[in-house]
């Protein structure tokens, strides 16, 4: 385009608002698209960096454990302790990889539920059993409140267990050794409700709206906030919504702990 043509376009759009408005809207739309692409690119780079960090830590621990088992020294920990450590790190990597695969399935719309009638008390108990080694390692005090009567719903027991494993893992990770974790299950007004609370580092008020975003992490004033891929809570939200339910997270602020509540439609 020549300088004369550009001058004529600018003159025409300045004199004719009906032409100027669509022109400005198109420019604004282009800028927004460029900003979105730049943001997505930054998030991709951040995600790859976090993925490398999250895989490196357990791999290093596994490598060191194998070396100690292969070449034991006088001060080498007992084999059963090393084996327990290796099992923890393998579970950590397995959960990480499973979460990534499931997020991919959800974003592609190929996640399918195997629904059956389940008692939510059993699902939550299985999730607690899965996280029990981590909870014991951190010396957390776990309080579990289950009703005497069944809390039934139509759902995929494996996927529901995954929801509560993720919530408990989060609560444990962000709670200091010796802290308190609470799990409550009850039914009310046609809803099956599970609350997972902790006495951990809490969440800043401004971070609450982005908690369940994919590859997003809350801006917590603690080094532990930099761990994880930011997929756990996004996966929780998607799985709960696939079951026709909802999940919310609340916190009184930094240092005040957190509570996540899952509401699911109960079965009659």
C-alpha atoms as a PDB file:
ATOM      1  CA  UNK A   1       0.000   0.000   0.000  1.00  0.00           C
ATOM      2  CA  UNK A   2       1.423   3.420  -1.034  1.00  0.00           C
ATOM      3  CA  UNK A   3       1.770   6.409   1.295  1.00  0.00           C
ATOM      4  CA  UNK A   4      -0.940   8.230  -0.677  1.00  0.00           C
ATOM      5  CA  UNK A   5      -3.342   5.284  -0.312  1.00  0.00           C
ATOM      6  CA  UNK A   6      -2.654   5.040   3.449  1.00  0.00           C
ATOM      7  CA  UNK A   7      -3.271   8.804   3.781  1.00  0.00           C
ATOM      8  CA  UNK A   8      -6.553   8.478   1.898  1.00  0.00           C
ATOM      9  CA  UNK A   9      -7.668   5.538   4.119  1.00  0.00           C
ATOM     10  CA  UNK A  10      -6.829   7.434   7.286  1.00  0.00           C
ATOM     11  CA  UNK A  11      -8.591  10.558   6.006  1.00  0.00           C
ATOM     12  CA  UNK A  12     -11.669   8.585   4.984  1.00  0.00           C
ATOM     13  CA  UNK A  13     -11.958   6.716   8.287  1.00  0.00           C
ATOM     14  CA  UNK A  14     -11.428   9.930  10.272  1.00  0.00           C
ATOM     15  CA  UNK A  15     -14.203  11.729   8.364  1.00  0.00           C
ATOM     16  CA  UNK A  16     -16.661   8.812   8.293  1.00  0.00           C
ATOM     17  CA  UNK A  17     -17.483   7.271  11.703  1.00  0.00           C
ATOM     18  CA  UNK A  18     -19.441   4.451  10.047  1.00  0.00           C
ATOM     19  CA  UNK A  19     -16.193   3.269   8.442  1.00  0.00           C
ATOM     20  CA  UNK A  20     -13.946   4.098  11.398  1.00  0.00           C
ATOM     21  CA  UNK A  21     -15.865   1.973  13.925  1.00  0.00           C
ATOM     22  CA  UNK A  22     -15.550  -1.404  12.128  1.00  0.00           C
ATOM     23  CA  UNK A  23     -11.918  -0.574  11.344  1.00  0.00           C
ATOM     24  CA  UNK A  24     -11.143   0.095  15.022  1.00  0.00           C
ATOM     25  CA  UNK A  25     -13.043  -3.003  16.117  1.00  0.00           C
ATOM     26  CA  UNK A  26     -11.033  -5.150  13.698  1.00  0.00           C
ATOM     27  CA  UNK A  27      -7.772  -3.703  15.015  1.00  0.00           C
ATOM     28  CA  UNK A  28      -8.849  -4.243  18.602  1.00  0.00           C
ATOM     29  CA  UNK A  29      -9.847  -7.832  17.801  1.00  0.00           C
ATOM     30  CA  UNK A  30      -6.476  -8.469  16.164  1.00  0.00           C
ATOM     31  CA  UNK A  31      -4.616  -7.094  19.188  1.00  0.00           C
ATOM     32  CA  UNK A  32      -6.652  -9.314  21.527  1.00  0.00           C
ATOM     33  CA  UNK A  33      -5.906 -12.386  19.425  1.00  0.00           C
ATOM     34  CA  UNK A  34      -2.192 -11.579  19.450  1.00  0.00           C
ATOM     35  CA  UNK A  35      -2.276 -11.120  23.234  1.00  0.00           C
ATOM     36  CA  UNK A  36      -4.147 -14.425  23.674  1.00  0.00           C
ATOM     37  CA  UNK A  37      -1.599 -16.261  21.524  1.00  0.00           C
ATOM     38  CA  UNK A  38       1.293 -14.712  23.466  1.00  0.00           C
ATOM     39  CA  UNK A  39      -0.339 -15.679  26.763  1.00  0.00           C
ATOM     40  CA  UNK A  40      -0.949 -19.239  25.570  1.00  0.00           C
ATOM     41  CA  UNK A  41       2.682 -19.484  24.455  1.00  0.00           C
ATOM     42  CA  UNK A  42       3.912 -18.280  27.865  1.00  0.00           C
ATOM     43  CA  UNK A  43       1.665 -20.785  29.637  1.00  0.00           C
ATOM     44  CA  UNK A  44       2.988 -23.569  27.391  1.00  0.00           C
ATOM     45  CA  UNK A  45       6.591 -22.662  28.256  1.00  0.00           C
ATOM     46  CA  UNK A  46       5.747 -22.474  31.972  1.00  0.00           C
ATOM     47  CA  UNK A  47       3.981 -25.833  31.788  1.00  0.00           C
ATOM     48  CA  UNK A  48       6.952 -27.535  30.102  1.00  0.00           C
ATOM     49  CA  UNK A  49       9.294 -26.097  32.733  1.00  0.00           C
ATOM     50  CA  UNK A  50       7.024 -27.329  35.545  1.00  0.00           C
ATOM     51  CA  UNK A  51       6.705 -30.752  33.913  1.00  0.00           C
ATOM     52  CA  UNK A  52      10.472 -31.102  33.777  1.00  0.00           C
ATOM     53  CA  UNK A  53      10.758 -30.107  37.436  1.00  0.00           C
ATOM     54  CA  UNK A  54       7.972 -32.430  38.585  1.00  0.00           C
ATOM     55  CA  UNK A  55       9.466 -35.423  36.772  1.00  0.00           C
ATOM     56  CA  UNK A  56      13.046 -34.674  37.778  1.00  0.00           C
ATOM     57  CA  UNK A  57      12.390 -34.803  41.542  1.00  0.00           C
ATOM     58  CA  UNK A  58      10.911 -38.320  41.784  1.00  0.00           C
ATOM     59  CA  UNK A  59      13.325 -39.638  39.148  1.00  0.00           C
ATOM     60  CA  UNK A  60      16.274 -38.360  41.193  1.00  0.00           C
ATOM     61  CA  UNK A  61      14.870 -39.969  44.352  1.00  0.00           C
ATOM     62  CA  UNK A  62      14.298 -43.269  42.529  1.00  0.00           C
ATOM     63  CA  UNK A  63      17.822 -43.184  41.072  1.00  0.00           C
ATOM     64  CA  UNK A  64      19.359 -42.528  44.494  1.00  0.00           C
ATOM     65  CA  UNK A  65      17.289 -45.296  46.081  1.00  0.00           C
ATOM     66  CA  UNK A  66      18.372 -47.823  43.456  1.00  0.00           C
ATOM     67  CA  UNK A  67      22.019 -46.813  43.942  1.00  0.00           C
ATOM     68  CA  UNK A  68      21.739 -47.343  47.701  1.00  0.00           C
ATOM     69  CA  UNK A  69      20.099 -50.744  47.238  1.00  0.00           C
ATOM     70  CA  UNK A  70      22.721 -51.786  44.682  1.00  0.00           C
ATOM     71  CA  UNK A  71      25.728 -50.548  46.673  1.00  0.00           C
ATOM     72  CA  UNK A  72      24.722 -50.497  50.357  1.00  0.00           C
ATOM     73  CA  UNK A  73      26.988 -48.690  52.802  1.00  0.00           C
ATOM     74  CA  UNK A  74      27.165 -48.861  56.570  1.00  0.00           C
ATOM     75  CA  UNK A  75      24.771 -45.929  57.003  1.00  0.00           C
ATOM     76  CA  UNK A  76      22.355 -47.007  54.250  1.00  0.00           C
ATOM     77  CA  UNK A  77      18.697 -46.941  55.384  1.00  0.00           C
ATOM     78  CA  UNK A  78      16.967 -50.280  55.884  1.00  0.00           C
ATOM     79  CA  UNK A  79      15.851 -51.919  52.603  1.00  0.00           C
ATOM     80  CA  UNK A  80      12.187 -51.728  53.633  1.00  0.00           C
ATOM     81  CA  UNK A  81      12.498 -47.959  54.129  1.00  0.00           C
ATOM     82  CA  UNK A  82      14.098 -47.541  50.723  1.00  0.00           C
ATOM     83  CA  UNK A  83      11.405 -49.705  49.133  1.00  0.00           C
ATOM     84  CA  UNK A  84       8.657 -47.614  50.742  1.00  0.00           C
ATOM     85  CA  UNK A  85      10.311 -44.446  49.421  1.00  0.00           C
ATOM     86  CA  UNK A  86      10.535 -45.896  45.924  1.00  0.00           C
ATOM     87  CA  UNK A  87       6.872 -46.893  46.030  1.00  0.00           C
ATOM     88  CA  UNK A  88       5.877 -43.350  47.080  1.00  0.00           C
ATOM     89  CA  UNK A  89       7.815 -41.788  44.228  1.00  0.00           C
ATOM     90  CA  UNK A  90       6.393 -44.231  41.674  1.00  0.00           C
ATOM     91  CA  UNK A  91       2.855 -43.461  42.924  1.00  0.00           C
ATOM     92  CA  UNK A  92       3.607 -39.758  42.600  1.00  0.00           C
ATOM     93  CA  UNK A  93       4.747 -40.144  38.990  1.00  0.00           C
ATOM     94  CA  UNK A  94       1.813 -42.423  38.172  1.00  0.00           C
ATOM     95  CA  UNK A  95      -0.718 -39.884  39.476  1.00  0.00           C
ATOM     96  CA  UNK A  96       1.021 -37.128  37.534  1.00  0.00           C
ATOM     97  CA  UNK A  97       0.962 -39.032  34.252  1.00  0.00           C
ATOM     98  CA  UNK A  98      -2.614 -40.261  34.781  1.00  0.00           C
ATOM     99  CA  UNK A  99      -3.783 -36.689  35.393  1.00  0.00           C
ATOM    100  CA  UNK A 100      -2.099 -35.457  32.219  1.00  0.00           C
ATOM    101  CA  UNK A 101      -3.660 -38.245  30.143  1.00  0.00           C
ATOM    102  CA  UNK A 102      -7.093 -37.565  31.619  1.00  0.00           C
ATOM    103  CA  UNK A 103      -6.863 -33.826  30.961  1.00  0.00           C
ATOM    104  CA  UNK A 104      -6.043 -34.666  27.349  1.00  0.00           C
ATOM    105  CA  UNK A 105      -9.078 -36.976  27.142  1.00  0.00           C
ATOM    106  CA  UNK A 106     -11.355 -34.316  28.606  1.00  0.00           C
ATOM    107  CA  UNK A 107     -10.153 -31.532  26.299  1.00  0.00           C
ATOM    108  CA  UNK A 108     -10.689 -33.865  23.316  1.00  0.00           C
ATOM    109  CA  UNK A 109     -14.160 -34.810  24.567  1.00  0.00           C
ATOM    110  CA  UNK A 110     -13.372 -38.523  24.755  1.00  0.00           C
ATOM    111  CA  UNK A 111     -13.725 -39.022  28.506  1.00  0.00           C
ATOM    112  CA  UNK A 112     -16.487 -41.538  29.203  1.00  0.00           C
ATOM    113  CA  UNK A 113     -17.904 -42.568  32.567  1.00  0.00           C
ATOM    114  CA  UNK A 114     -18.721 -46.147  33.584  1.00  0.00           C
ATOM    115  CA  UNK A 115     -21.738 -45.350  35.709  1.00  0.00           C
ATOM    116  CA  UNK A 116     -23.115 -47.632  38.384  1.00  0.00           C
ATOM    117  CA  UNK A 117     -24.806 -47.264  41.731  1.00  0.00           C
ATOM    118  CA  UNK A 118     -22.101 -46.438  44.293  1.00  0.00           C
ATOM    119  CA  UNK A 119     -21.971 -45.582  47.962  1.00  0.00           C
ATOM    120  CA  UNK A 120     -19.967 -42.381  48.317  1.00  0.00           C
ATOM    121  CA  UNK A 121     -18.711 -43.540  51.712  1.00  0.00           C
ATOM    122  CA  UNK A 122     -16.836 -46.408  50.009  1.00  0.00           C
ATOM    123  CA  UNK A 123     -15.400 -44.095  47.328  1.00  0.00           C
ATOM    124  CA  UNK A 124     -14.060 -41.646  49.913  1.00  0.00           C
ATOM    125  CA  UNK A 125     -12.669 -44.458  52.086  1.00  0.00           C
ATOM    126  CA  UNK A 126     -10.771 -45.867  49.091  1.00  0.00           C
ATOM    127  CA  UNK A 127      -9.345 -42.415  48.313  1.00  0.00           C
ATOM    128  CA  UNK A 128      -8.165 -42.047  51.909  1.00  0.00           C
ATOM    129  CA  UNK A 129      -6.549 -45.488  51.766  1.00  0.00           C
ATOM    130  CA  UNK A 130      -4.707 -44.489  48.583  1.00  0.00           C
ATOM    131  CA  UNK A 131      -3.299 -41.339  50.237  1.00  0.00           C
ATOM    132  CA  UNK A 132      -2.678 -42.963  53.623  1.00  0.00           C
ATOM    133  CA  UNK A 133       1.109 -43.426  53.115  1.00  0.00           C
ATOM    134  CA  UNK A 134       1.550 -39.728  52.244  1.00  0.00           C
ATOM    135  CA  UNK A 135      -0.623 -38.633  55.161  1.00  0.00           C
ATOM    136  CA  UNK A 136       1.350 -40.801  57.595  1.00  0.00           C
ATOM    137  CA  UNK A 137       4.664 -39.621  56.194  1.00  0.00           C
ATOM    138  CA  UNK A 138       3.715 -36.015  56.955  1.00  0.00           C
ATOM    139  CA  UNK A 139       2.265 -36.956  60.345  1.00  0.00           C
ATOM    140  CA  UNK A 140      -1.052 -35.300  59.523  1.00  0.00           C
ATOM    141  CA  UNK A 141      -3.979 -35.690  61.876  1.00  0.00           C
ATOM    142  CA  UNK A 142      -6.853 -36.917  59.727  1.00  0.00           C
ATOM    143  CA  UNK A 143     -10.468 -36.623  60.887  1.00  0.00           C
ATOM    144  CA  UNK A 144     -13.097 -38.498  58.865  1.00  0.00           C
ATOM    145  CA  UNK A 145     -16.837 -38.037  59.335  1.00  0.00           C
ATOM    146  CA  UNK A 146     -18.999 -40.601  57.549  1.00  0.00           C
ATOM    147  CA  UNK A 147     -22.759 -41.043  58.028  1.00  0.00           C
ATOM    148  CA  UNK A 148     -24.156 -44.339  59.300  1.00  0.00           C
ATOM    149  CA  UNK A 149     -26.478 -44.792  56.314  1.00  0.00           C
ATOM    150  CA  UNK A 150     -25.363 -45.129  52.650  1.00  0.00           C
ATOM    151  CA  UNK A 151     -24.916 -42.023  50.493  1.00  0.00           C
ATOM    152  CA  UNK A 152     -25.732 -43.408  47.053  1.00  0.00           C
ATOM    153  CA  UNK A 153     -25.433 -41.924  43.583  1.00  0.00           C
ATOM    154  CA  UNK A 154     -25.022 -43.000  39.966  1.00  0.00           C
ATOM    155  CA  UNK A 155     -21.393 -42.498  39.057  1.00  0.00           C
ATOM    156  CA  UNK A 156     -18.068 -43.916  37.961  1.00  0.00           C
ATOM    157  CA  UNK A 157     -16.409 -45.170  41.180  1.00  0.00           C
ATOM    158  CA  UNK A 158     -12.891 -44.959  39.741  1.00  0.00           C
ATOM    159  CA  UNK A 159     -13.306 -41.398  38.487  1.00  0.00           C
ATOM    160  CA  UNK A 160     -14.979 -40.278  41.704  1.00  0.00           C
ATOM    161  CA  UNK A 161     -12.139 -41.780  43.708  1.00  0.00           C
ATOM    162  CA  UNK A 162      -9.750 -39.809  41.489  1.00  0.00           C
ATOM    163  CA  UNK A 163     -11.580 -36.605  42.460  1.00  0.00           C
ATOM    164  CA  UNK A 164     -11.040 -37.158  46.170  1.00  0.00           C
ATOM    165  CA  UNK A 165      -7.488 -38.469  45.791  1.00  0.00           C
ATOM    166  CA  UNK A 166      -6.616 -35.186  44.046  1.00  0.00           C
ATOM    167  CA  UNK A 167      -8.333 -33.067  46.702  1.00  0.00           C
ATOM    168  CA  UNK A 168      -6.678 -34.982  49.550  1.00  0.00           C
ATOM    169  CA  UNK A 169      -3.281 -34.875  47.840  1.00  0.00           C
ATOM    170  CA  UNK A 170      -3.629 -31.105  47.478  1.00  0.00           C
ATOM    171  CA  UNK A 171      -4.675 -30.688  51.104  1.00  0.00           C
ATOM    172  CA  UNK A 172      -1.747 -32.798  52.293  1.00  0.00           C
ATOM    173  CA  UNK A 173       0.819 -31.068  50.079  1.00  0.00           C
ATOM    174  CA  UNK A 174      -0.108 -27.583  51.286  1.00  0.00           C
ATOM    175  CA  UNK A 175      -0.331 -28.505  54.978  1.00  0.00           C
ATOM    176  CA  UNK A 176       2.736 -28.538  57.233  1.00  0.00           C
ATOM    177  CA  UNK A 177       3.821 -31.725  58.976  1.00  0.00           C
ATOM    178  CA  UNK A 178       1.557 -32.407  61.943  1.00  0.00           C
ATOM    179  CA  UNK A 179      -1.277 -30.332  60.489  1.00  0.00           C
ATOM    180  CA  UNK A 180      -4.938 -31.267  60.353  1.00  0.00           C
ATOM    181  CA  UNK A 181      -6.990 -32.691  57.492  1.00  0.00           C
ATOM    182  CA  UNK A 182     -10.741 -33.219  57.647  1.00  0.00           C
ATOM    183  CA  UNK A 183     -13.067 -35.177  55.349  1.00  0.00           C
ATOM    184  CA  UNK A 184     -16.828 -34.960  55.858  1.00  0.00           C
ATOM    185  CA  UNK A 185     -19.502 -36.846  53.913  1.00  0.00           C
ATOM    186  CA  UNK A 186     -23.234 -36.181  54.212  1.00  0.00           C
ATOM    187  CA  UNK A 187     -26.447 -35.988  52.216  1.00  0.00           C
ATOM    188  CA  UNK A 188     -28.778 -32.988  52.067  1.00  0.00           C
ATOM    189  CA  UNK A 189     -31.649 -31.880  49.824  1.00  0.00           C
ATOM    190  CA  UNK A 190     -31.014 -34.531  47.175  1.00  0.00           C
ATOM    191  CA  UNK A 191     -27.269 -33.843  47.128  1.00  0.00           C
ATOM    192  CA  UNK A 192     -24.348 -36.034  48.146  1.00  0.00           C
ATOM    193  CA  UNK A 193     -21.758 -33.691  49.650  1.00  0.00           C
ATOM    194  CA  UNK A 194     -18.086 -34.185  50.469  1.00  0.00           C
ATOM    195  CA  UNK A 195     -15.971 -31.513  52.180  1.00  0.00           C
ATOM    196  CA  UNK A 196     -12.162 -31.738  52.256  1.00  0.00           C
ATOM    197  CA  UNK A 197     -10.594 -29.182  54.611  1.00  0.00           C
ATOM    198  CA  UNK A 198      -7.059 -28.522  55.820  1.00  0.00           C
ATOM    199  CA  UNK A 199      -5.175 -26.287  58.233  1.00  0.00           C
ATOM    200  CA  UNK A 200      -2.585 -25.454  55.606  1.00  0.00           C
ATOM    201  CA  UNK A 201      -1.192 -22.328  53.990  1.00  0.00           C
ATOM    202  CA  UNK A 202      -4.518 -21.111  52.631  1.00  0.00           C
ATOM    203  CA  UNK A 203      -5.290 -19.182  49.468  1.00  0.00           C
ATOM    204  CA  UNK A 204      -5.143 -15.448  48.790  1.00  0.00           C
ATOM    205  CA  UNK A 205      -8.617 -13.994  48.003  1.00  0.00           C
ATOM    206  CA  UNK A 206      -7.526 -12.800  44.569  1.00  0.00           C
ATOM    207  CA  UNK A 207      -6.418 -16.313  43.613  1.00  0.00           C
ATOM    208  CA  UNK A 208      -9.732 -18.049  44.320  1.00  0.00           C
ATOM    209  CA  UNK A 209     -11.373 -17.322  40.928  1.00  0.00           C
ATOM    210  CA  UNK A 210      -8.570 -19.068  38.997  1.00  0.00           C
ATOM    211  CA  UNK A 211      -8.268 -22.158  41.206  1.00  0.00           C
ATOM    212  CA  UNK A 212      -9.892 -24.566  38.773  1.00  0.00           C
ATOM    213  CA  UNK A 213      -8.238 -23.241  35.605  1.00  0.00           C
ATOM    214  CA  UNK A 214      -6.106 -25.627  33.571  1.00  0.00           C
ATOM    215  CA  UNK A 215      -2.336 -25.222  34.144  1.00  0.00           C
ATOM    216  CA  UNK A 216      -3.008 -22.477  36.668  1.00  0.00           C
ATOM    217  CA  UNK A 217      -1.816 -22.316  40.239  1.00  0.00           C
ATOM    218  CA  UNK A 218      -2.895 -20.074  43.053  1.00  0.00           C
ATOM    219  CA  UNK A 219      -0.512 -17.296  44.017  1.00  0.00           C
ATOM    220  CA  UNK A 220       0.361 -18.720  47.403  1.00  0.00           C
ATOM    221  CA  UNK A 221       3.036 -17.151  49.594  1.00  0.00           C
ATOM    222  CA  UNK A 222       4.830 -20.466  50.018  1.00  0.00           C
ATOM    223  CA  UNK A 223       7.506 -22.307  47.993  1.00  0.00           C
ATOM    224  CA  UNK A 224       5.176 -25.317  47.724  1.00  0.00           C
ATOM    225  CA  UNK A 225       2.866 -23.277  45.503  1.00  0.00           C
ATOM    226  CA  UNK A 226       5.442 -23.629  42.760  1.00  0.00           C
ATOM    227  CA  UNK A 227       5.141 -27.427  42.711  1.00  0.00           C
ATOM    228  CA  UNK A 228       2.641 -29.352  40.665  1.00  0.00           C
ATOM    229  CA  UNK A 229       1.428 -28.843  37.118  1.00  0.00           C
ATOM    230  CA  UNK A 230      -1.779 -27.021  37.902  1.00  0.00           C
ATOM    231  CA  UNK A 231      -3.947 -29.793  36.448  1.00  0.00           C
ATOM    232  CA  UNK A 232      -5.286 -31.483  39.589  1.00  0.00           C
ATOM    233  CA  UNK A 233      -8.088 -29.059  40.427  1.00  0.00           C
ATOM    234  CA  UNK A 234      -8.987 -28.567  36.763  1.00  0.00           C
ATOM    235  CA  UNK A 235      -9.372 -32.328  36.477  1.00  0.00           C
ATOM    236  CA  UNK A 236     -11.470 -32.404  39.650  1.00  0.00           C
ATOM    237  CA  UNK A 237     -13.824 -29.775  38.233  1.00  0.00           C
ATOM    238  CA  UNK A 238     -14.239 -31.574  34.898  1.00  0.00           C
ATOM    239  CA  UNK A 239     -14.877 -34.970  36.498  1.00  0.00           C
ATOM    240  CA  UNK A 240     -17.388 -33.544  38.966  1.00  0.00           C
ATOM    241  CA  UNK A 241     -19.218 -31.681  36.197  1.00  0.00           C
ATOM    242  CA  UNK A 242     -19.339 -34.864  34.097  1.00  0.00           C
ATOM    243  CA  UNK A 243     -21.264 -36.348  37.026  1.00  0.00           C
ATOM    244  CA  UNK A 244     -23.688 -33.395  36.996  1.00  0.00           C
ATOM    245  CA  UNK A 245     -22.193 -31.869  40.136  1.00  0.00           C
ATOM    246  CA  UNK A 246     -20.179 -28.843  41.209  1.00  0.00           C
ATOM    247  CA  UNK A 247     -17.055 -28.089  43.246  1.00  0.00           C
ATOM    248  CA  UNK A 248     -16.125 -24.934  45.137  1.00  0.00           C
ATOM    249  CA  UNK A 249     -13.077 -23.823  47.084  1.00  0.00           C
ATOM    250  CA  UNK A 250     -12.946 -21.312  49.938  1.00  0.00           C
ATOM    251  CA  UNK A 251     -10.274 -19.932  52.243  1.00  0.00           C
ATOM    252  CA  UNK A 252     -10.142 -17.219  54.872  1.00  0.00           C
ATOM    253  CA  UNK A 253      -6.808 -16.148  53.431  1.00  0.00           C
ATOM    254  CA  UNK A 254      -3.124 -16.987  53.602  1.00  0.00           C
ATOM    255  CA  UNK A 255      -2.281 -19.130  56.615  1.00  0.00           C
ATOM    256  CA  UNK A 256      -5.949 -19.879  57.280  1.00  0.00           C
ATOM    257  CA  UNK A 257      -6.332 -23.249  55.561  1.00  0.00           C
ATOM    258  CA  UNK A 258      -8.694 -24.180  52.739  1.00  0.00           C
ATOM    259  CA  UNK A 259     -11.901 -26.125  52.193  1.00  0.00           C
ATOM    260  CA  UNK A 260     -13.195 -27.724  49.008  1.00  0.00           C
ATOM    261  CA  UNK A 261     -16.793 -28.890  48.709  1.00  0.00           C
ATOM    262  CA  UNK A 262     -18.038 -31.345  46.106  1.00  0.00           C
ATOM    263  CA  UNK A 263     -21.814 -31.566  45.522  1.00  0.00           C
ATOM    264  CA  UNK A 264     -23.198 -34.464  43.482  1.00  0.00           C
ATOM    265  CA  UNK A 265     -26.787 -35.458  42.675  1.00  0.00           C
ATOM    266  CA  UNK A 266     -27.723 -38.378  44.910  1.00  0.00           C
ATOM    267  CA  UNK A 267     -29.650 -41.441  43.764  1.00  0.00           C
ATOM    268  CA  UNK A 268     -33.035 -42.332  45.217  1.00  0.00           C
END
